[in-house]
């Protein structure tokens, strides 16, 4: 997962403690944009020392992690999200052109 990539939430089940710490949580089936990718801790509550890939999302903002020495913003484990399959702009343009009808002039009218 990379900055700017679109992802969809696949797991929005959170324990009560997490719900109390966060201002905004992702919702299953909703699409988000990755704002930042970082190395996170396995469990924020116990200040675990095993690492996971964490994400900050453009659409969600939260306060600082009370268990992080640098007070990094509370993020989400990447395992809660799946990459959204999107075609590159060039492929979308090619498919649009290929799908034009025989009587189509090739111009878009509003």
N, C-alpha and C. Protein backbone atom coordinates (compact mmCIF):
# COMPACT_ATOMS: atom_id res chain seq x y z
N UNK A 1 0.84 -1.17 0.00
CA UNK A 1 0.00 0.00 0.00
C UNK A 1 0.89 1.24 0.00
N UNK A 2 0.46 2.24 -0.77
CA UNK A 2 1.27 3.44 -0.92
C UNK A 2 0.43 4.70 -0.75
N UNK A 3 1.10 5.78 -0.44
CA UNK A 3 0.45 7.08 -0.28
C UNK A 3 -0.32 7.44 -1.55
N UNK A 4 -1.56 7.88 -1.39
CA UNK A 4 -2.40 8.26 -2.53
C UNK A 4 -3.26 7.13 -3.06
N UNK A 5 -2.98 5.90 -2.64
CA UNK A 5 -3.75 4.74 -3.11
C UNK A 5 -5.14 4.72 -2.47
N UNK A 6 -6.12 4.26 -3.22
CA UNK A 6 -7.48 4.09 -2.72
C UNK A 6 -7.59 2.69 -2.12
N UNK A 7 -8.22 2.61 -0.95
CA UNK A 7 -8.45 1.34 -0.27
C UNK A 7 -9.88 1.30 0.22
N UNK A 8 -10.39 0.10 0.43
CA UNK A 8 -11.74 -0.07 0.98
C UNK A 8 -11.63 -0.79 2.31
N UNK A 9 -12.39 -0.33 3.30
CA UNK A 9 -12.37 -0.94 4.62
C UNK A 9 -13.07 -2.30 4.56
N UNK A 10 -12.41 -3.32 5.10
CA UNK A 10 -12.98 -4.67 5.12
C UNK A 10 -13.25 -5.15 6.55
N UNK A 11 -12.83 -4.35 7.55
CA UNK A 11 -13.04 -4.74 8.94
C UNK A 11 -13.23 -3.48 9.78
N UNK A 12 -14.45 -3.25 10.24
CA UNK A 12 -14.71 -2.09 11.08
C UNK A 12 -15.17 -2.49 12.49
N UNK A 13 -14.72 -3.65 12.94
CA UNK A 13 -15.05 -4.10 14.28
C UNK A 13 -13.92 -3.67 15.22
N UNK A 14 -14.26 -2.81 16.19
CA UNK A 14 -13.28 -2.27 17.12
C UNK A 14 -13.73 -2.50 18.55
N UNK A 15 -12.78 -2.80 19.45
CA UNK A 15 -13.15 -2.92 20.86
C UNK A 15 -13.51 -1.55 21.44
N UNK A 16 -14.20 -1.55 22.56
CA UNK A 16 -14.66 -0.31 23.18
C UNK A 16 -13.52 0.66 23.50
N UNK A 17 -12.36 0.14 23.93
CA UNK A 17 -11.24 1.01 24.25
C UNK A 17 -10.78 1.79 23.03
N UNK A 18 -10.73 1.15 21.88
CA UNK A 18 -10.34 1.84 20.64
C UNK A 18 -11.38 2.89 20.28
N UNK A 19 -12.64 2.54 20.40
CA UNK A 19 -13.72 3.50 20.12
C UNK A 19 -13.60 4.74 21.01
N UNK A 20 -13.13 4.55 22.24
CA UNK A 20 -12.97 5.67 23.17
C UNK A 20 -11.77 6.54 22.80
N UNK A 21 -10.71 5.94 22.26
CA UNK A 21 -9.49 6.68 21.93
C UNK A 21 -9.59 7.48 20.63
N UNK A 22 -10.33 6.96 19.67
CA UNK A 22 -10.39 7.55 18.33
C UNK A 22 -11.57 8.51 18.19
N UNK A 23 -11.37 9.57 17.40
CA UNK A 23 -12.45 10.49 17.06
C UNK A 23 -13.21 9.97 15.85
N UNK A 24 -12.48 9.39 14.89
CA UNK A 24 -13.08 8.90 13.64
C UNK A 24 -12.55 7.51 13.34
N UNK A 25 -13.46 6.60 12.98
CA UNK A 25 -13.10 5.23 12.64
C UNK A 25 -13.61 4.91 11.24
N UNK A 26 -12.91 4.03 10.52
CA UNK A 26 -13.37 3.64 9.19
C UNK A 26 -14.63 2.78 9.27
N UNK A 27 -15.39 2.80 8.17
CA UNK A 27 -16.64 2.03 8.07
C UNK A 27 -16.48 1.01 6.96
N UNK A 28 -16.86 -0.23 7.27
CA UNK A 28 -16.74 -1.32 6.30
C UNK A 28 -17.46 -0.97 5.00
N UNK A 29 -16.78 -1.24 3.87
CA UNK A 29 -17.35 -0.97 2.56
C UNK A 29 -17.10 0.44 2.05
N UNK A 30 -16.54 1.31 2.87
CA UNK A 30 -16.26 2.69 2.48
C UNK A 30 -14.86 2.80 1.90
N UNK A 31 -14.70 3.62 0.88
CA UNK A 31 -13.42 3.83 0.22
C UNK A 31 -12.69 5.01 0.86
N UNK A 32 -11.39 4.83 1.06
CA UNK A 32 -10.54 5.87 1.65
C UNK A 32 -9.27 6.03 0.81
N UNK A 33 -8.58 7.15 1.04
CA UNK A 33 -7.32 7.45 0.36
C UNK A 33 -6.21 7.43 1.40
N UNK A 34 -5.13 6.71 1.11
CA UNK A 34 -4.01 6.65 2.05
C UNK A 34 -3.28 7.99 2.06
N UNK A 35 -3.18 8.57 3.25
CA UNK A 35 -2.47 9.83 3.46
C UNK A 35 -1.01 9.58 3.82
N UNK A 36 -0.78 8.53 4.59
CA UNK A 36 0.56 8.21 5.05
C UNK A 36 0.65 6.73 5.40
N UNK A 37 1.80 6.13 5.14
CA UNK A 37 2.08 4.73 5.51
C UNK A 37 3.21 4.78 6.54
N UNK A 38 3.06 4.06 7.64
CA UNK A 38 4.08 4.09 8.68
C UNK A 38 4.24 2.72 9.34
N UNK A 39 5.33 2.56 10.04
CA UNK A 39 5.58 1.35 10.80
C UNK A 39 4.88 1.53 12.14
N UNK A 40 3.91 0.67 12.42
CA UNK A 40 3.13 0.79 13.65
C UNK A 40 3.45 -0.32 14.63
N UNK A 41 2.87 -0.20 15.81
CA UNK A 41 3.01 -1.24 16.82
C UNK A 41 1.83 -2.18 16.75
N UNK A 42 2.02 -3.41 17.17
CA UNK A 42 0.96 -4.43 17.11
C UNK A 42 -0.24 -4.04 17.96
N UNK A 43 0.00 -3.63 19.19
CA UNK A 43 -1.10 -3.28 20.08
C UNK A 43 -0.77 -1.97 20.77
N UNK A 44 -1.55 -0.93 20.48
CA UNK A 44 -1.26 0.37 21.09
C UNK A 44 -1.53 0.36 22.58
N UNK A 45 -2.48 -0.44 23.01
CA UNK A 45 -2.87 -0.43 24.41
C UNK A 45 -1.73 -0.90 25.32
N UNK A 46 -1.01 -1.92 24.91
CA UNK A 46 0.07 -2.46 25.73
C UNK A 46 1.43 -1.94 25.29
N UNK A 47 1.45 -1.05 24.30
CA UNK A 47 2.73 -0.53 23.82
C UNK A 47 3.62 -1.63 23.29
N UNK A 48 3.03 -2.55 22.55
CA UNK A 48 3.74 -3.73 22.03
C UNK A 48 4.96 -3.36 21.22
N UNK A 49 5.87 -4.32 21.10
CA UNK A 49 7.10 -4.05 20.36
C UNK A 49 7.15 -4.75 19.01
N UNK A 50 6.12 -5.50 18.63
CA UNK A 50 6.09 -6.08 17.30
C UNK A 50 5.45 -5.08 16.35
N UNK A 51 5.92 -5.05 15.11
CA UNK A 51 5.50 -4.00 14.17
C UNK A 51 4.46 -4.47 13.17
N UNK A 52 3.65 -3.53 12.72
CA UNK A 52 2.70 -3.74 11.64
C UNK A 52 2.80 -2.54 10.70
N UNK A 53 2.14 -2.61 9.55
CA UNK A 53 2.07 -1.47 8.66
C UNK A 53 0.82 -0.68 9.04
N UNK A 54 1.03 0.58 9.37
CA UNK A 54 -0.07 1.44 9.77
C UNK A 54 -0.42 2.43 8.66
N UNK A 55 -1.66 2.89 8.69
CA UNK A 55 -2.13 3.84 7.68
C UNK A 55 -2.79 5.04 8.33
N UNK A 56 -2.56 6.21 7.75
CA UNK A 56 -3.35 7.40 8.04
C UNK A 56 -4.14 7.65 6.77
N UNK A 57 -5.38 8.07 6.93
CA UNK A 57 -6.29 8.24 5.80
C UNK A 57 -6.68 9.69 5.61
N UNK A 58 -6.78 10.13 4.37
CA UNK A 58 -7.13 11.51 4.05
C UNK A 58 -8.48 11.87 4.67
N UNK A 59 -9.42 10.96 4.62
CA UNK A 59 -10.80 11.24 5.03
C UNK A 59 -11.03 11.18 6.54
N UNK A 60 -10.06 10.65 7.29
CA UNK A 60 -10.22 10.51 8.74
C UNK A 60 -9.05 11.16 9.47
N UNK A 61 -9.36 11.90 10.53
CA UNK A 61 -8.33 12.55 11.35
C UNK A 61 -8.57 12.17 12.81
N UNK A 62 -7.48 11.84 13.50
CA UNK A 62 -7.56 11.48 14.90
C UNK A 62 -6.47 12.19 15.69
N UNK A 63 -6.59 12.16 17.00
CA UNK A 63 -5.61 12.79 17.87
C UNK A 63 -4.34 11.97 17.96
N UNK A 64 -3.40 12.47 18.77
CA UNK A 64 -2.13 11.75 18.94
C UNK A 64 -2.31 10.45 19.72
N UNK A 65 -1.47 9.49 19.40
CA UNK A 65 -1.45 8.21 20.09
C UNK A 65 -0.87 8.44 21.49
N UNK A 66 -1.66 8.22 22.54
CA UNK A 66 -1.17 8.49 23.90
C UNK A 66 -0.05 7.55 24.34
N UNK A 67 0.17 6.45 23.59
CA UNK A 67 1.20 5.48 23.94
C UNK A 67 2.45 5.62 23.07
N UNK A 68 2.49 6.62 22.18
CA UNK A 68 3.62 6.82 21.28
C UNK A 68 4.46 7.98 21.79
N UNK A 69 5.76 7.75 21.97
CA UNK A 69 6.65 8.78 22.52
C UNK A 69 6.63 10.05 21.68
N UNK A 70 6.50 9.90 20.35
CA UNK A 70 6.48 11.06 19.47
C UNK A 70 5.10 11.65 19.25
N UNK A 71 4.10 11.09 19.94
CA UNK A 71 2.71 11.54 19.84
C UNK A 71 2.20 11.52 18.39
N UNK A 72 2.59 10.48 17.65
CA UNK A 72 2.12 10.28 16.28
C UNK A 72 0.60 10.14 16.29
N UNK A 73 -0.05 10.60 15.23
CA UNK A 73 -1.50 10.48 15.11
C UNK A 73 -1.92 9.01 15.15
N UNK A 74 -3.03 8.75 15.81
CA UNK A 74 -3.59 7.39 15.84
C UNK A 74 -3.94 6.97 14.43
N UNK A 75 -3.45 5.82 14.00
CA UNK A 75 -3.72 5.31 12.67
C UNK A 75 -4.39 3.96 12.74
N UNK A 76 -4.41 3.28 11.60
CA UNK A 76 -5.09 2.00 11.49
C UNK A 76 -4.17 0.97 10.86
N UNK A 77 -4.30 -0.28 11.28
CA UNK A 77 -3.51 -1.34 10.67
C UNK A 77 -3.96 -1.55 9.23
N UNK A 78 -3.00 -1.78 8.36
CA UNK A 78 -3.32 -1.97 6.94
C UNK A 78 -4.18 -3.20 6.71
N UNK A 79 -4.19 -4.13 7.66
CA UNK A 79 -4.98 -5.35 7.53
C UNK A 79 -6.49 -5.09 7.53
N UNK A 80 -6.91 -3.91 7.93
CA UNK A 80 -8.33 -3.55 7.92
C UNK A 80 -8.80 -3.10 6.54
N UNK A 81 -7.88 -3.02 5.57
CA UNK A 81 -8.20 -2.46 4.26
C UNK A 81 -7.73 -3.37 3.13
N UNK A 82 -8.45 -3.29 2.02
CA UNK A 82 -8.06 -3.99 0.79
C UNK A 82 -7.85 -2.93 -0.29
N UNK A 83 -6.84 -3.12 -1.13
CA UNK A 83 -6.63 -2.16 -2.22
C UNK A 83 -7.85 -2.11 -3.13
N UNK A 84 -8.22 -0.93 -3.54
CA UNK A 84 -9.32 -0.77 -4.48
C UNK A 84 -8.75 -0.96 -5.87
N UNK A 85 -9.30 -1.90 -6.62
CA UNK A 85 -8.80 -2.18 -7.96
C UNK A 85 -9.26 -1.06 -8.89
N UNK A 86 -8.31 -0.30 -9.38
CA UNK A 86 -8.62 0.79 -10.30
C UNK A 86 -7.75 0.65 -11.55
N UNK A 87 -8.33 0.97 -12.68
CA UNK A 87 -7.57 0.97 -13.93
C UNK A 87 -6.79 2.27 -14.04
N UNK A 88 -5.55 2.23 -14.53
CA UNK A 88 -4.83 3.48 -14.78
C UNK A 88 -5.61 4.32 -15.80
N UNK A 89 -5.43 5.63 -15.76
CA UNK A 89 -6.16 6.56 -16.63
C UNK A 89 -6.04 6.19 -18.11
N UNK A 90 -4.86 5.71 -18.53
CA UNK A 90 -4.66 5.36 -19.94
C UNK A 90 -5.59 4.21 -20.35
N UNK A 91 -5.74 3.21 -19.47
CA UNK A 91 -6.59 2.06 -19.79
C UNK A 91 -8.06 2.46 -19.85
N UNK A 92 -8.47 3.38 -18.96
CA UNK A 92 -9.86 3.85 -18.98
C UNK A 92 -10.14 4.55 -20.30
N UNK A 93 -9.19 5.39 -20.76
CA UNK A 93 -9.36 6.11 -22.02
C UNK A 93 -9.45 5.13 -23.19
N UNK A 94 -8.61 4.09 -23.19
CA UNK A 94 -8.62 3.10 -24.27
C UNK A 94 -9.95 2.34 -24.29
N UNK A 95 -10.46 1.96 -23.12
CA UNK A 95 -11.73 1.23 -23.06
C UNK A 95 -12.89 2.11 -23.52
N UNK A 96 -12.85 3.39 -23.17
CA UNK A 96 -13.90 4.31 -23.59
C UNK A 96 -13.90 4.46 -25.10
N UNK A 97 -12.71 4.60 -25.70
CA UNK A 97 -12.59 4.75 -27.14
C UNK A 97 -13.02 3.47 -27.84
N UNK A 98 -12.60 2.33 -27.33
CA UNK A 98 -12.92 1.04 -27.96
C UNK A 98 -14.42 0.76 -27.89
N UNK A 99 -15.09 1.32 -26.88
CA UNK A 99 -16.52 1.07 -26.72
C UNK A 99 -17.40 2.03 -27.50
N UNK A 100 -16.83 2.97 -28.23
CA UNK A 100 -17.63 3.95 -29.00
C UNK A 100 -18.37 3.26 -30.14
N UNK A 101 -19.60 3.66 -30.36
CA UNK A 101 -20.41 3.04 -31.41
C UNK A 101 -19.97 3.48 -32.80
N UNK A 102 -20.42 2.73 -33.85
CA UNK A 102 -20.04 3.02 -35.23
C UNK A 102 -20.50 4.41 -35.65
N UNK A 103 -21.65 4.87 -35.17
CA UNK A 103 -22.15 6.18 -35.56
C UNK A 103 -21.65 7.29 -34.66
N UNK A 104 -20.77 6.98 -33.75
CA UNK A 104 -20.27 7.96 -32.79
C UNK A 104 -19.21 8.81 -33.47
N UNK A 105 -19.33 10.13 -33.34
CA UNK A 105 -18.39 11.03 -33.99
C UNK A 105 -17.08 11.14 -33.23
N UNK A 106 -17.04 10.60 -32.01
CA UNK A 106 -15.80 10.70 -31.23
C UNK A 106 -15.79 11.92 -30.35
N UNK A 107 -16.80 12.80 -30.44
CA UNK A 107 -16.88 13.99 -29.61
C UNK A 107 -17.90 13.77 -28.51
N UNK A 108 -17.61 14.36 -27.36
CA UNK A 108 -18.53 14.28 -26.23
C UNK A 108 -19.41 15.52 -26.25
N UNK A 109 -20.69 15.35 -26.11
CA UNK A 109 -21.60 16.49 -26.06
C UNK A 109 -22.27 16.52 -24.69
N UNK A 110 -22.44 17.73 -24.17
CA UNK A 110 -23.10 17.89 -22.87
C UNK A 110 -24.55 18.25 -23.06
